[in-house]
PDB file of N, CA and C in Angstrom:
ATOM      1  N   MET A   1     190.330 224.335   5.574  1.00  0.00           N
ATOM      2  CA  MET A   1     191.191 223.096   5.985  1.00  0.00           C
ATOM      3  C   MET A   1     191.833 222.548   4.841  1.00  0.00           C
ATOM      4  N   ALA A   2     193.047 222.295   4.837  1.00  0.00           N
ATOM      5  CA  ALA A   2     193.342 221.981   3.322  1.00  0.00           C
ATOM      6  C   ALA A   2     192.834 220.996   3.041  1.00  0.00           C
ATOM      7  N   SER A   3     193.394 221.120   0.710  1.00  0.00           N
ATOM      8  CA  SER A   3     191.927 220.287   0.427  1.00  0.00           C
ATOM      9  C   SER A   3     192.794 219.492  -0.071  1.00  0.00           C
ATOM     10  N   LYS A   4     192.508 218.406  -0.631  1.00  0.00           N
ATOM     11  CA  LYS A   4     193.412 218.042  -2.105  1.00  0.00           C
ATOM     12  C   LYS A   4     192.094 217.629  -3.170  1.00  0.00           C
ATOM     13  N   VAL A   5     192.864 217.520  -3.754  1.00  0.00           N
ATOM     14  CA  VAL A   5     192.449 217.688  -5.854  1.00  0.00           C
ATOM     15  C   VAL A   5     192.339 216.304  -6.306  1.00  0.00           C
ATOM     16  N   VAL A   6     191.006 216.353  -6.608  1.00  0.00           N
ATOM     17  CA  VAL A   6     191.412 214.700  -7.191  1.00  0.00           C
ATOM     18  C   VAL A   6     191.912 214.434  -8.708  1.00  0.00           C
ATOM     19  N   LEU A   7     192.087 213.051  -9.363  1.00  0.00           N
ATOM     20  CA  LEU A   7     191.284 213.456 -10.707  1.00  0.00           C
ATOM     21  C   LEU A   7     189.714 212.616 -10.482  1.00  0.00           C
ATOM     22  N   PRO A   8     188.701 213.072 -11.097  1.00  0.00           N
ATOM     23  CA  PRO A   8     187.907 211.984 -10.943  1.00  0.00           C
ATOM     24  C   PRO A   8     186.960 211.153 -12.081  1.00  0.00           C
ATOM     25  N   LYS A   9     186.930 209.531 -11.177  1.00  0.00           N
ATOM     26  CA  LYS A   9     185.966 209.210 -11.473  1.00  0.00           C
ATOM     27  C   LYS A   9     184.452 209.640 -12.274  1.00  0.00           C
ATOM     28  N   TRP A  10     184.840 209.623 -14.090  1.00  0.00           N
ATOM     29  CA  TRP A  10     183.778 210.746 -14.438  1.00  0.00           C
ATOM     30  C   TRP A  10     183.050 209.663 -15.570  1.00  0.00           C
ATOM     31  N   GLY A  11     183.122 208.254 -15.543  1.00  0.00           N
ATOM     32  CA  GLY A  11     182.807 207.195 -16.369  1.00  0.00           C
ATOM     33  C   GLY A  11     182.111 205.932 -15.522  1.00  0.00           C
ATOM     34  N   MET A  12     182.204 205.291 -16.208  1.00  0.00           N
ATOM     35  CA  MET A  12     182.877 203.461 -15.887  1.00  0.00           C
ATOM     36  C   MET A  12     183.697 203.172 -16.656  1.00  0.00           C
ATOM     37  N   GLY A  13     184.788 202.860 -16.313  1.00  0.00           N
ATOM     38  CA  GLY A  13     185.389 202.386 -17.761  1.00  0.00           C
ATOM     39  C   GLY A  13     187.347 203.434 -17.886  1.00  0.00           C
ATOM     40  N   ILE A  14     186.089 204.588 -16.813  1.00  0.00           N
ATOM     41  CA  ILE A  14     187.502 205.826 -17.465  1.00  0.00           C
ATOM     42  C   ILE A  14     188.131 205.600 -16.469  1.00  0.00           C
ATOM     43  N   ASN A  15     189.385 205.164 -16.067  1.00  0.00           N
ATOM     44  CA  ASN A  15     190.320 204.672 -15.134  1.00  0.00           C
ATOM     45  C   ASN A  15     191.913 204.953 -14.948  1.00  0.00           C
ATOM     46  N   GLU A  16     191.861 206.000 -16.102  1.00  0.00           N
ATOM     47  CA  GLU A  16     192.966 207.870 -16.378  1.00  0.00           C
ATOM     48  C   GLU A  16     192.747 209.059 -16.568  1.00  0.00           C
ATOM     49  N   GLY A  17     193.413 209.430 -16.791  1.00  0.00           N
ATOM     50  CA  GLY A  17     193.523 210.781 -17.340  1.00  0.00           C
ATOM     51  C   GLY A  17     194.497 211.096 -17.414  1.00  0.00           C
ATOM     52  N   THR A  18     195.032 212.109 -18.001  1.00  0.00           N
ATOM     53  CA  THR A  18     195.954 212.902 -18.667  1.00  0.00           C
ATOM     54  C   THR A  18     196.150 214.440 -18.500  1.00  0.00           C
ATOM     55  N   VAL A  19     196.779 215.377 -17.470  1.00  0.00           N
ATOM     56  CA  VAL A  19     196.635 216.618 -17.523  1.00  0.00           C
ATOM     57  C   VAL A  19     197.070 217.658 -18.655  1.00  0.00           C
ATOM     58  N   LEU A  20     196.590 217.884 -18.672  1.00  0.00           N
ATOM     59  CA  LEU A  20     195.936 218.968 -20.615  1.00  0.00           C
ATOM     60  C   LEU A  20     197.392 220.145 -20.226  1.00  0.00           C
ATOM     61  N   LYS A  21     196.460 220.912 -19.849  1.00  0.00           N
ATOM     62  CA  LYS A  21     196.033 222.071 -19.043  1.00  0.00           C
ATOM     63  C   LYS A  21     196.132 222.738 -17.936  1.00  0.00           C
ATOM     64  N   TRP A  22     196.873 222.848 -16.958  1.00  0.00           N
ATOM     65  CA  TRP A  22     196.242 223.859 -15.509  1.00  0.00           C
ATOM     66  C   TRP A  22     196.187 225.434 -15.742  1.00  0.00           C
ATOM     67  N   LEU A  23     195.146 225.622 -15.754  1.00  0.00           N
ATOM     68  CA  LEU A  23     193.774 227.103 -15.792  1.00  0.00           C
ATOM     69  C   LEU A  23     194.040 228.139 -14.715  1.00  0.00           C
ATOM     70  N   LYS A  24     195.169 227.162 -13.338  1.00  0.00           N
ATOM     71  CA  LYS A  24     195.474 228.207 -12.116  1.00  0.00           C
ATOM     72  C   LYS A  24     197.088 227.578 -12.047  1.00  0.00           C
ATOM     73  N   ALA A  25     197.907 228.302 -11.821  1.00  0.00           N
ATOM     74  CA  ALA A  25     199.308 227.971 -10.955  1.00  0.00           C
ATOM     75  C   ALA A  25     199.580 228.621  -9.542  1.00  0.00           C
ATOM     76  N   GLU A  26     200.400 227.760  -8.714  1.00  0.00           N
ATOM     77  CA  GLU A  26     200.646 227.749  -8.068  1.00  0.00           C
ATOM     78  C   GLU A  26     200.603 229.208  -7.130  1.00  0.00           C
ATOM     79  N   GLY A  27     200.204 229.642  -6.131  1.00  0.00           N
ATOM     80  CA  GLY A  27     199.712 230.621  -5.593  1.00  0.00           C
ATOM     81  C   GLY A  27     198.898 231.511  -5.666  1.00  0.00           C
ATOM     82  N   ASP A  28     198.297 231.011  -7.010  1.00  0.00           N
ATOM     83  CA  ASP A  28     197.050 231.547  -7.448  1.00  0.00           C
ATOM     84  C   ASP A  28     195.952 231.798  -6.296  1.00  0.00           C
ATOM     85  N   PRO A  29     194.886 232.850  -6.137  1.00  0.00           N
ATOM     86  CA  PRO A  29     193.767 232.159  -5.257  1.00  0.00           C
ATOM     87  C   PRO A  29     192.783 231.374  -6.091  1.00  0.00           C
ATOM     88  N   VAL A  30     191.718 230.838  -5.038  1.00  0.00           N
ATOM     89  CA  VAL A  30     190.534 229.802  -5.532  1.00  0.00           C
ATOM     90  C   VAL A  30     189.878 229.269  -5.791  1.00  0.00           C
ATOM     91  N   THR A  31     188.031 229.591  -5.929  1.00  0.00           N
ATOM     92  CA  THR A  31     187.258 230.035  -5.217  1.00  0.00           C
ATOM     93  C   THR A  31     186.363 228.315  -5.633  1.00  0.00           C
ATOM     94  N   GLU A  32     186.129 227.919  -4.038  1.00  0.00           N
ATOM     95  CA  GLU A  32     185.189 226.528  -4.863  1.00  0.00           C
ATOM     96  C   GLU A  32     184.430 226.702  -5.831  1.00  0.00           C
ATOM     97  N   GLY A  33     184.688 225.015  -6.423  1.00  0.00           N
ATOM     98  CA  GLY A  33     183.809 225.333  -7.882  1.00  0.00           C
ATOM     99  C   GLY A  33     184.619 225.705  -9.662  1.00  0.00           C
ATOM    100  N   GLU A  34     184.993 226.243  -8.590  1.00  0.00           N
ATOM    101  CA  GLU A  34     185.626 226.557  -9.949  1.00  0.00           C
ATOM    102  C   GLU A  34     186.845 225.734 -10.871  1.00  0.00           C
ATOM    103  N   PRO A  35     186.813 225.569 -12.094  1.00  0.00           N
ATOM    104  CA  PRO A  35     187.418 224.653 -12.930  1.00  0.00           C
ATOM    105  C   PRO A  35     189.232 224.523 -12.782  1.00  0.00           C
ATOM    106  N   ILE A  36     189.997 224.711 -13.001  1.00  0.00           N
ATOM    107  CA  ILE A  36     191.338 225.224 -12.605  1.00  0.00           C
ATOM    108  C   ILE A  36     192.346 223.800 -13.215  1.00  0.00           C
ATOM    109  N   VAL A  37     191.950 223.070 -13.974  1.00  0.00           N
ATOM    110  CA  VAL A  37     192.561 222.052 -14.657  1.00  0.00           C
ATOM    111  C   VAL A  37     192.236 221.000 -15.447  1.00  0.00           C
ATOM    112  N   GLU A  38     192.360 221.087 -16.899  1.00  0.00           N
ATOM    113  CA  GLU A  38     191.389 219.530 -17.644  1.00  0.00           C
ATOM    114  C   GLU A  38     192.397 219.092 -18.079  1.00  0.00           C
ATOM    115  N   ILE A  39     191.647 217.282 -18.104  1.00  0.00           N
ATOM    116  CA  ILE A  39     192.260 216.406 -17.742  1.00  0.00           C
ATOM    117  C   ILE A  39     191.500 215.572 -19.526  1.00  0.00           C
ATOM    118  N   GLU A  40     192.283 214.797 -20.179  1.00  0.00           N
ATOM    119  CA  GLU A  40     191.050 214.141 -20.747  1.00  0.00           C
ATOM    120  C   GLU A  40     191.721 212.658 -20.441  1.00  0.00           C
ATOM    121  N   SER A  41     190.276 211.982 -20.703  1.00  0.00           N
ATOM    122  CA  SER A  41     190.154 210.661 -20.751  1.00  0.00           C
ATOM    123  C   SER A  41     190.010 210.485 -22.007  1.00  0.00           C
ATOM    124  N   ALA A  42     189.700 209.275 -22.034  1.00  0.00           N
ATOM    125  CA  ALA A  42     189.645 208.059 -23.393  1.00  0.00           C
ATOM    126  C   ALA A  42     188.080 208.246 -23.664  1.00  0.00           C
ATOM    127  N   LYS A  43     186.876 209.087 -22.666  1.00  0.00           N
ATOM    128  CA  LYS A  43     186.011 209.929 -23.977  1.00  0.00           C
ATOM    129  C   LYS A  43     185.809 211.036 -23.727  1.00  0.00           C
ATOM    130  N   ALA A  44     186.689 211.829 -23.391  1.00  0.00           N
ATOM    131  CA  ALA A  44     186.622 213.368 -22.953  1.00  0.00           C
ATOM    132  C   ALA A  44     187.453 213.924 -23.001  1.00  0.00           C
ATOM    133  N   THR A  45     186.958 216.134 -22.236  1.00  0.00           N
ATOM    134  CA  THR A  45     188.126 216.821 -22.175  1.00  0.00           C
ATOM    135  C   THR A  45     187.737 217.267 -21.015  1.00  0.00           C
ATOM    136  N   GLU A  46     187.999 217.292 -19.695  1.00  0.00           N
ATOM    137  CA  GLU A  46     187.087 217.629 -18.885  1.00  0.00           C
ATOM    138  C   GLU A  46     187.722 218.478 -18.338  1.00  0.00           C
ATOM    139  N   GLN A  47     187.478 219.331 -17.238  1.00  0.00           N
ATOM    140  CA  GLN A  47     187.471 220.646 -16.022  1.00  0.00           C
ATOM    141  C   GLN A  47     187.146 220.078 -14.665  1.00  0.00           C
ATOM    142  N   ALA A  48     188.505 219.178 -13.752  1.00  0.00           N
ATOM    143  CA  ALA A  48     188.220 219.249 -12.396  1.00  0.00           C
ATOM    144  C   ALA A  48     188.397 220.771 -11.592  1.00  0.00           C
ATOM    145  N   PRO A  49     187.287 220.776 -11.035  1.00  0.00           N
ATOM    146  CA  PRO A  49     187.275 222.221 -10.110  1.00  0.00           C
ATOM    147  C   PRO A  49     188.104 221.697  -8.889  1.00  0.00           C
ATOM    148  N   ALA A  50     188.100 222.757  -7.983  1.00  0.00           N
ATOM    149  CA  ALA A  50     188.699 224.057  -6.699  1.00  0.00           C
ATOM    150  C   ALA A  50     187.458 222.527  -6.227  1.00  0.00           C
ATOM    151  N   THR A  51     188.019 221.707  -5.648  1.00  0.00           N
ATOM    152  CA  THR A  51     187.801 221.373  -3.878  1.00  0.00           C
ATOM    153  C   THR A  51     187.370 221.728  -2.499  1.00  0.00           C
ATOM    154  N   ALA A  52     187.775 222.975  -2.470  1.00  0.00           N
ATOM    155  CA  ALA A  52     187.861 224.195  -1.941  1.00  0.00           C
ATOM    156  C   ALA A  52     188.795 226.138  -2.221  1.00  0.00           C
ATOM    157  N   SER A  53     188.059 226.887  -1.575  1.00  0.00           N
ATOM    158  CA  SER A  53     188.679 228.210  -1.376  1.00  0.00           C
ATOM    159  C   SER A  53     190.184 228.013  -1.073  1.00  0.00           C
ATOM    160  N   GLY A  54     191.083 228.971  -1.298  1.00  0.00           N
ATOM    161  CA  GLY A  54     191.755 229.335  -0.587  1.00  0.00           C
ATOM    162  C   GLY A  54     193.219 229.975  -2.267  1.00  0.00           C
ATOM    163  N   ARG A  55     194.096 229.063  -1.859  1.00  0.00           N
ATOM    164  CA  ARG A  55     195.005 229.376  -3.130  1.00  0.00           C
ATOM    165  C   ARG A  55     195.572 227.720  -3.491  1.00  0.00           C
ATOM    166  N   LEU A  56     195.865 227.578  -4.510  1.00  0.00           N
ATOM    167  CA  LEU A  56     196.868 226.451  -5.035  1.00  0.00           C
ATOM    168  C   LEU A  56     197.707 226.107  -4.621  1.00  0.00           C
ATOM    169  N   VAL A  57     198.427 225.362  -3.393  1.00  0.00           N
ATOM    170  CA  VAL A  57     199.848 225.648  -2.779  1.00  0.00           C
ATOM    171  C   VAL A  57     200.956 224.729  -3.203  1.00  0.00           C
ATOM    172  N   LYS A  58     199.845 223.920  -4.123  1.00  0.00           N
ATOM    173  CA  LYS A  58     201.399 222.573  -5.227  1.00  0.00           C
ATOM    174  C   LYS A  58     200.462 221.891  -6.316  1.00  0.00           C
ATOM    175  N   ILE A  59     200.805 221.972  -6.972  1.00  0.00           N
ATOM    176  CA  ILE A  59     200.779 221.139  -8.150  1.00  0.00           C
ATOM    177  C   ILE A  59     201.454 220.030  -7.998  1.00  0.00           C
ATOM    178  N   LEU A  60     200.587 219.246  -8.131  1.00  0.00           N
ATOM    179  CA  LEU A  60     201.646 217.337  -7.851  1.00  0.00           C
ATOM    180  C   LEU A  60     201.974 216.342  -9.189  1.00  0.00           C
ATOM    181  N   VAL A  61     200.398 217.097 -10.357  1.00  0.00           N
ATOM    182  CA  VAL A  61     200.998 215.865 -11.580  1.00  0.00           C
ATOM    183  C   VAL A  61     201.189 216.708 -12.862  1.00  0.00           C
ATOM    184  N   PRO A  62     202.070 217.639 -13.330  1.00  0.00           N
ATOM    185  CA  PRO A  62     202.538 218.345 -14.332  1.00  0.00           C
ATOM    186  C   PRO A  62     201.247 217.989 -15.491  1.00  0.00           C
ATOM    187  N   GLU A  63     201.854 218.863 -16.577  1.00  0.00           N
ATOM    188  CA  GLU A  63     201.457 219.139 -17.496  1.00  0.00           C
ATOM    189  C   GLU A  63     201.024 217.821 -18.605  1.00  0.00           C
ATOM    190  N   GLY A  64     201.030 217.020 -19.957  1.00  0.00           N
ATOM    191  CA  GLY A  64     201.450 216.055 -20.362  1.00  0.00           C
ATOM    192  C   GLY A  64     200.446 214.683 -19.286  1.00  0.00           C
ATOM    193  N   GLN A  65     201.051 214.426 -17.883  1.00  0.00           N
ATOM    194  CA  GLN A  65     201.338 213.161 -17.672  1.00  0.00           C
ATOM    195  C   GLN A  65     199.353 212.772 -17.501  1.00  0.00           C
ATOM    196  N   THR A  66     200.262 210.751 -17.568  1.00  0.00           N
ATOM    197  CA  THR A  66     198.598 210.698 -17.129  1.00  0.00           C
ATOM    198  C   THR A  66     198.347 209.960 -15.965  1.00  0.00           C
ATOM    199  N   VAL A  67     197.431 209.876 -14.931  1.00  0.00           N
ATOM    200  CA  VAL A  67     198.046 209.226 -13.726  1.00  0.00           C
ATOM    201  C   VAL A  67     196.405 208.724 -13.589  1.00  0.00           C
ATOM    202  N   GLU A  68     196.155 207.381 -12.820  1.00  0.00           N
ATOM    203  CA  GLU A  68     195.075 206.450 -12.143  1.00  0.00           C
ATOM    204  C   GLU A  68     193.735 207.488 -11.485  1.00  0.00           C
ATOM    205  N   THR A  69     192.200 207.205 -12.149  1.00  0.00           N
ATOM    206  CA  THR A  69     192.029 208.083 -11.370  1.00  0.00           C
ATOM    207  C   THR A  69     191.255 208.133  -9.941  1.00  0.00           C
ATOM    208  N   PHE A  70     191.559 209.306  -9.157  1.00  0.00           N
ATOM    209  CA  PHE A  70     191.407 209.436  -7.946  1.00  0.00           C
ATOM    210  C   PHE A  70     193.556 209.871  -6.960  1.00  0.00           C
ATOM    211  N   THR A  71     194.048 210.041  -8.403  1.00  0.00           N
ATOM    212  CA  THR A  71     194.924 209.816  -6.980  1.00  0.00           C
ATOM    213  C   THR A  71     195.106 211.612  -7.301  1.00  0.00           C
ATOM    214  N   THR A  72     196.603 212.703  -6.240  1.00  0.00           N
ATOM    215  CA  THR A  72     195.612 213.651  -6.119  1.00  0.00           C
ATOM    216  C   THR A  72     196.882 214.252  -7.106  1.00  0.00           C
ATOM    217  N   LEU A  73     196.032 215.766  -7.524  1.00  0.00           N
ATOM    218  CA  LEU A  73     196.346 216.486  -8.184  1.00  0.00           C
ATOM    219  C   LEU A  73     197.134 217.882  -8.518  1.00  0.00           C
ATOM    220  N   ALA A  74     196.898 218.087  -6.620  1.00  0.00           N
ATOM    221  CA  ALA A  74     197.537 219.767  -6.097  1.00  0.00           C
ATOM    222  C   ALA A  74     196.633 219.663  -4.752  1.00  0.00           C
ATOM    223  N   VAL A  75     197.110 220.300  -4.737  1.00  0.00           N
ATOM    224  CA  VAL A  75     196.657 220.995  -2.602  1.00  0.00           C
ATOM    225  C   VAL A  75     196.489 222.541  -2.618  1.00  0.00           C
ATOM    226  N   ILE A  76     195.210 222.768  -2.406  1.00  0.00           N
ATOM    227  CA  ILE A  76     195.122 224.137  -2.076  1.00  0.00           C
ATOM    228  C   ILE A  76     194.430 223.984  -0.306  1.00  0.00           C
ATOM    229  N   ALA A  77     194.830 225.542  -0.382  1.00  0.00           N
ATOM    230  CA  ALA A  77     195.411 225.984   0.934  1.00  0.00           C
ATOM    231  C   ALA A  77     193.997 226.558   1.918  1.00  0.00           C
ATOM    232  N   ALA A  78     194.641 227.939   2.345  1.00  0.00           N
ATOM    233  CA  ALA A  78     194.286 228.684   3.989  1.00  0.00           C
ATOM    234  C   ALA A  78     195.212 229.688   3.570  1.00  0.00           C
ATOM    235  N   ASP A  79     195.952 230.365   3.469  1.00  0.00           N
ATOM    236  CA  ASP A  79     197.199 230.974   3.299  1.00  0.00           C
ATOM    237  C   ASP A  79     197.549 230.823   4.940  1.00  0.00           C
ATOM    238  N   GLY A  80     198.691 230.202   5.107  1.00  0.00           N
ATOM    239  CA  GLY A  80     199.422 230.345   6.419  1.00  0.00           C
ATOM    240  C   GLY A  80     199.318 228.144   6.485  1.00  0.00           C
ATOM    241  N   GLU A  81     198.176 227.856   6.092  1.00  0.00           N
ATOM    242  CA  GLU A  81     197.869 226.579   6.380  1.00  0.00           C
ATOM    243  C   GLU A  81     198.746 225.900   6.484  1.00  0.00           C
ATOM    244  N   ASN A  82     198.817 224.641   7.511  1.00  0.00           N
ATOM    245  CA  ASN A  82     199.907 224.031   7.142  1.00  0.00           C
ATOM    246  C   ASN A  82     199.360 222.102   5.910  1.00  0.00           C
ATOM    247  N   HIS A  83     199.910 222.875   4.629  1.00  0.00           N
ATOM    248  CA  HIS A  83     199.271 220.955   4.528  1.00  0.00           C
ATOM    249  C   HIS A  83     200.290 220.274   4.039  1.00  0.00           C
ATOM    250  N   ALA A  84     201.860 220.280   4.885  1.00  0.00           N
ATOM    251  CA  ALA A  84     202.491 219.653   4.186  1.00  0.00           C
ATOM    252  C   ALA A  84     201.580 218.414   3.780  1.00  0.00           C
ATOM    253  N   ASP A  85     200.800 217.908   5.371  1.00  0.00           N
ATOM    254  CA  ASP A  85     200.026 216.480   5.215  1.00  0.00           C
ATOM    255  C   ASP A  85     199.338 215.893   4.377  1.00  0.00           C
ATOM    256  N   LEU A  86     199.073 216.697   3.369  1.00  0.00           N
ATOM    257  CA  LEU A  86     198.629 216.308   2.330  1.00  0.00           C
ATOM    258  C   LEU A  86     199.556 216.534   0.962  1.00  0.00           C
ATOM    259  N   LEU A  87     200.956 216.099   1.074  1.00  0.00           N
ATOM    260  CA  LEU A  87     201.441 215.830   0.162  1.00  0.00           C
ATOM    261  C   LEU A  87     201.754 215.280  -0.052  1.00  0.00           C
ATOM    262  N   VAL A  88     200.750 214.102  -0.701  1.00  0.00           N
ATOM    263  CA  VAL A  88     201.541 212.642  -1.346  1.00  0.00           C
ATOM    264  C   VAL A  88     201.802 212.519  -2.812  1.00  0.00           C
TER     265      VAL A  88
END
């Protein structure tokens, strides 16, 4: 099943983060738990992991953009899997 990668809330008072660098590109295979994106928050730089194994099919937030916590950053899906419903 396709899976969203969202900006986690790493601590109290952390309500947004900036995508610094994607460690994987669209189409790359990923393994659940593997770091795929570096995020800068008010307190630190963290790496957000893949939420499932499969392929990084769509990056929704480009490098340099700041978004609120729980925003969908990307979508991971198995090859051939329909993921259109997660592209929000």
